[in-house]
Amino acid sequence: MSVYFQDISEQKAIEREREHNTETLHRLYAIASDQRRSFDEKVDRMLEIGRERLGLEVGYLAKTDLESDRFEVTHASGESKTIYPGSVAPLSETYCQRVLETDGLFGFADISTVDATDAIDDQVYDRWELDCYLGGEVIVDDERYGTLCFEDTSPRSAPFTQTEETFVELITQWVSYELGRQRREKHLQRYVRYIDAVLDTIDDVFT
């Protein structure tokens, strides 16, 4: 009998998780397709939803530059004394450095369980004191732009699920696409202005 009730409880937990995932995806889609919101507003809201979904303190988008060893936060959600829009740090002294060294997501639910391969340098840990972290790389037009990450000073009681990791990947991919689209639109606008200037010059010559 106890096995039966255990199976029922597990099934209900799976159903609740599925419903939660579906609801979260619908919320993301609604934000992404909302033409009334600016890009900045959409990113801020997605970071907020990400924090809620993962149960973590802070979510942020940052620009990174390996050559200049620079890390700069552009968007952030959650209360933090060190992570906020405009905050800057040496990239080599951040957890995001590990994201750039990884093909895909990098993270851990509890740093005490991390093996030597994924270990964080002691100096980096002492600076940020993050016990839980999950981040992905933002790629714009095949070029490295930065990272999108979620973090907490306390560990999670359970490892990140595949669904949660996919959720972070979806946000990262959307940000990558939108930044690329904005870049292409700016290039197009500059080209249009250039053509207009050339046509004006031609008109002046023949008038």
Protein backbone atom coordinates (compact mmCIF):
# COMPACT_ATOMS: atom_id res chain seq x y z
CA MET A 1 0.00 0.00 0.00
CA SER A 2 2.81 2.42 0.87
CA VAL A 3 4.37 1.83 -2.56
CA TYR A 4 1.04 2.67 -4.19
CA PHE A 5 0.73 5.99 -2.37
CA GLN A 6 4.36 6.76 -3.14
CA ASP A 7 3.69 6.22 -6.85
CA ILE A 8 0.63 8.49 -6.67
CA SER A 9 2.64 11.22 -4.92
CA GLU A 10 5.42 11.01 -7.49
CA GLN A 11 2.91 11.19 -10.33
CA LYS A 12 1.28 14.27 -8.83
CA ALA A 13 4.69 15.90 -8.40
CA ILE A 14 5.50 15.22 -12.05
CA GLU A 15 2.16 16.70 -13.14
CA ARG A 16 2.71 19.82 -11.03
CA GLU A 17 6.19 20.23 -12.52
CA ARG A 18 4.80 19.86 -16.04
CA GLU A 19 2.10 22.46 -15.36
CA HIS A 20 4.70 24.82 -13.87
CA ASN A 21 6.93 24.43 -16.92
CA THR A 22 4.05 25.08 -19.32
CA GLU A 23 2.99 28.18 -17.39
CA THR A 24 6.54 29.53 -17.38
CA LEU A 25 6.95 29.02 -21.12
CA HIS A 26 3.66 30.80 -21.77
CA ARG A 27 4.85 33.74 -19.67
CA LEU A 28 8.11 33.91 -21.59
CA TYR A 29 6.31 33.81 -24.93
CA ALA A 30 3.92 36.57 -23.82
CA ILE A 31 6.85 38.80 -22.89
CA ALA A 32 8.84 38.09 -26.05
CA SER A 33 5.85 38.84 -28.28
CA ASP A 34 4.72 41.97 -26.41
CA GLN A 35 5.39 44.83 -28.84
CA ARG A 36 4.61 47.42 -26.17
CA ARG A 37 7.68 46.47 -24.15
CA SER A 38 11.18 47.64 -25.00
CA PHE A 39 14.07 45.19 -25.23
CA ASP A 40 15.36 46.33 -21.84
CA GLU A 41 11.96 45.80 -20.23
CA LYS A 42 11.69 42.32 -21.74
CA VAL A 43 15.14 41.30 -20.50
CA ASP A 44 14.42 42.58 -17.00
CA ARG A 45 11.13 40.69 -16.87
CA MET A 46 12.66 37.47 -18.19
CA LEU A 47 15.41 37.65 -15.59
CA GLU A 48 12.76 38.09 -12.92
CA ILE A 49 10.83 35.06 -14.16
CA GLY A 50 14.08 33.11 -14.33
CA ARG A 51 14.86 33.86 -10.70
CA GLU A 52 11.38 32.75 -9.71
CA ARG A 53 11.59 29.55 -11.76
CA LEU A 54 15.00 28.56 -10.40
CA GLY A 55 14.41 29.87 -6.89
CA LEU A 56 17.57 32.00 -6.92
CA GLU A 57 18.40 35.46 -5.61
CA VAL A 58 19.83 37.19 -8.68
CA GLY A 59 19.66 37.02 -12.46
CA TYR A 60 21.66 39.20 -14.83
CA LEU A 61 22.91 39.85 -18.35
CA ALA A 62 26.53 40.96 -18.71
CA LYS A 63 28.87 42.03 -21.50
CA THR A 64 32.25 40.33 -21.45
CA ASP A 65 35.55 40.98 -23.19
CA LEU A 66 38.34 38.43 -22.95
CA GLU A 67 41.01 40.73 -24.42
CA SER A 68 40.43 43.55 -21.93
CA ASP A 69 39.44 41.16 -19.11
CA ARG A 70 36.24 43.13 -18.60
CA PHE A 71 32.88 42.09 -17.14
CA GLU A 72 30.02 44.63 -17.08
CA VAL A 73 26.45 44.01 -15.97
CA THR A 74 23.86 45.58 -18.30
CA HIS A 75 20.64 44.19 -16.79
CA ALA A 76 19.95 42.68 -13.37
CA SER A 77 17.06 41.39 -11.31
CA GLY A 78 17.14 40.78 -7.57
CA GLU A 79 18.81 42.34 -4.54
CA SER A 80 22.61 42.33 -4.67
CA LYS A 81 25.35 44.67 -3.48
CA THR A 82 27.72 43.51 -6.21
CA ILE A 83 25.50 42.73 -9.23
CA TYR A 84 23.56 45.70 -10.64
CA PRO A 85 23.40 47.54 -13.99
CA GLY A 86 26.72 49.26 -14.53
CA SER A 87 28.76 47.17 -12.09
CA VAL A 88 32.17 46.21 -13.48
CA ALA A 89 34.79 43.62 -12.54
CA PRO A 90 37.77 41.80 -14.07
CA LEU A 91 36.32 38.95 -16.11
CA SER A 92 39.01 36.59 -14.83
CA GLU A 93 37.68 37.13 -11.30
CA THR A 94 34.09 36.11 -12.09
CA TYR A 95 32.15 32.88 -12.35
CA CYS A 96 31.27 33.94 -15.90
CA GLN A 97 34.83 33.17 -16.95
CA ARG A 98 33.93 29.50 -16.51
CA VAL A 99 30.87 29.93 -18.74
CA LEU A 100 33.10 31.14 -21.56
CA GLU A 101 35.34 28.10 -21.08
CA THR A 102 32.38 25.73 -21.37
CA ASP A 103 30.54 24.57 -24.48
CA GLY A 104 27.00 25.17 -23.25
CA LEU A 105 25.75 25.95 -19.77
CA PHE A 106 27.98 26.01 -16.71
CA GLY A 107 26.66 25.74 -13.22
CA PHE A 108 26.11 23.90 -9.98
CA ALA A 109 23.30 23.75 -7.44
CA ASP A 110 25.67 23.36 -4.48
CA ILE A 111 29.32 24.35 -4.75
CA SER A 112 30.28 21.88 -2.03
CA THR A 113 29.40 19.04 -4.41
CA VAL A 114 31.42 20.37 -7.37
CA ASP A 115 34.28 18.14 -8.53
CA ALA A 116 37.77 19.40 -9.31
CA THR A 117 37.01 19.83 -13.03
CA ASP A 118 34.31 22.44 -12.37
CA ALA A 119 35.87 23.95 -9.25
CA ILE A 120 35.85 27.72 -8.77
CA ASP A 121 39.13 29.43 -7.92
CA ASP A 122 39.32 30.30 -4.21
CA GLN A 123 39.99 33.97 -4.96
CA VAL A 124 36.91 34.15 -7.18
CA TYR A 125 34.76 32.44 -4.57
CA ASP A 126 36.00 34.75 -1.80
CA ARG A 127 35.01 37.77 -3.89
CA TRP A 128 31.44 36.68 -4.71
CA GLU A 129 30.68 33.85 -2.24
CA LEU A 130 28.19 32.20 -4.57
CA ASP A 131 27.15 28.67 -3.62
CA CYS A 132 24.69 28.21 -6.49
CA TYR A 133 25.13 29.32 -10.10
CA LEU A 134 23.83 28.64 -13.61
CA GLY A 135 24.83 30.59 -16.71
CA GLY A 136 25.03 30.46 -20.48
CA GLU A 137 26.92 32.38 -23.15
CA VAL A 138 25.24 35.02 -25.32
CA ILE A 139 26.43 34.84 -28.94
CA VAL A 140 25.53 37.64 -31.37
CA ASP A 141 26.12 37.03 -35.09
CA ASP A 142 28.71 34.34 -34.30
CA GLU A 143 30.58 36.73 -31.99
CA ARG A 144 30.89 36.51 -28.23
CA TYR A 145 28.79 39.14 -26.51
CA GLY A 146 28.51 38.10 -22.88
CA THR A 147 26.70 35.86 -20.42
CA LEU A 148 23.25 35.43 -18.93
CA CYS A 149 23.35 33.98 -15.43
CA PHE A 150 21.41 33.19 -12.29
CA GLU A 151 23.05 32.89 -8.89
CA ASP A 152 22.57 32.65 -5.14
CA THR A 153 24.74 32.88 -2.04
CA SER A 154 22.96 29.80 -0.68
CA PRO A 155 22.98 26.33 -2.27
CA ARG A 156 19.88 24.70 -3.72
CA SER A 157 18.53 21.59 -2.07
CA ALA A 158 18.18 19.83 -5.43
CA PRO A 159 20.28 19.79 -8.63
CA PHE A 160 19.11 21.76 -11.64
CA THR A 161 16.76 19.71 -13.77
CA GLN A 162 17.10 19.35 -17.53
CA THR A 163 13.94 21.43 -17.91
CA GLU A 164 15.41 24.24 -15.81
CA GLU A 165 18.61 24.20 -17.85
CA THR A 166 16.58 24.28 -21.07
CA PHE A 167 14.67 27.25 -19.68
CA VAL A 168 17.91 29.20 -19.18
CA GLU A 169 19.08 28.21 -22.66
CA LEU A 170 15.83 29.55 -24.16
CA ILE A 171 16.28 32.95 -22.53
CA THR A 172 19.93 33.05 -23.59
CA GLN A 173 19.04 32.21 -27.19
CA TRP A 174 16.28 34.82 -27.27
CA VAL A 175 18.61 37.54 -25.97
CA SER A 176 21.24 36.50 -28.55
CA TYR A 177 18.69 36.72 -31.36
CA GLU A 178 17.29 40.09 -30.27
CA LEU A 179 20.72 41.68 -29.88
CA GLY A 180 21.64 40.42 -33.34
CA ARG A 181 18.44 41.80 -34.82
CA GLN A 182 19.08 45.20 -33.23
CA ARG A 183 22.61 45.23 -34.61
CA ARG A 184 21.39 44.42 -38.12
CA GLU A 185 18.70 47.12 -37.92
CA LYS A 186 21.31 49.72 -36.93
CA HIS A 187 23.52 48.69 -39.85
CA LEU A 188 20.56 48.97 -42.20
CA GLN A 189 19.65 52.41 -40.86
CA ARG A 190 23.22 53.64 -41.36
CA TYR A 191 23.21 52.25 -44.89
CA VAL A 192 19.91 53.99 -45.68
CA ARG A 193 21.26 57.29 -44.36
CA TYR A 194 24.38 56.83 -46.49
CA ILE A 195 22.31 56.19 -49.63
CA ASP A 196 20.14 59.24 -48.87
CA ALA A 197 23.26 61.38 -48.52
CA VAL A 198 24.64 60.09 -51.83
CA LEU A 199 21.34 60.79 -53.61
CA ASP A 200 21.23 64.29 -52.14
CA THR A 201 24.75 64.91 -53.44
CA ILE A 202 23.75 63.71 -56.91
CA ASP A 203 20.70 65.96 -56.86
CA ASP A 204 22.88 68.95 -55.94
CA VAL A 205 25.21 68.23 -58.86
CA PHE A 206 22.42 68.15 -61.43
CA THR A 207 20.39 71.08 -60.13
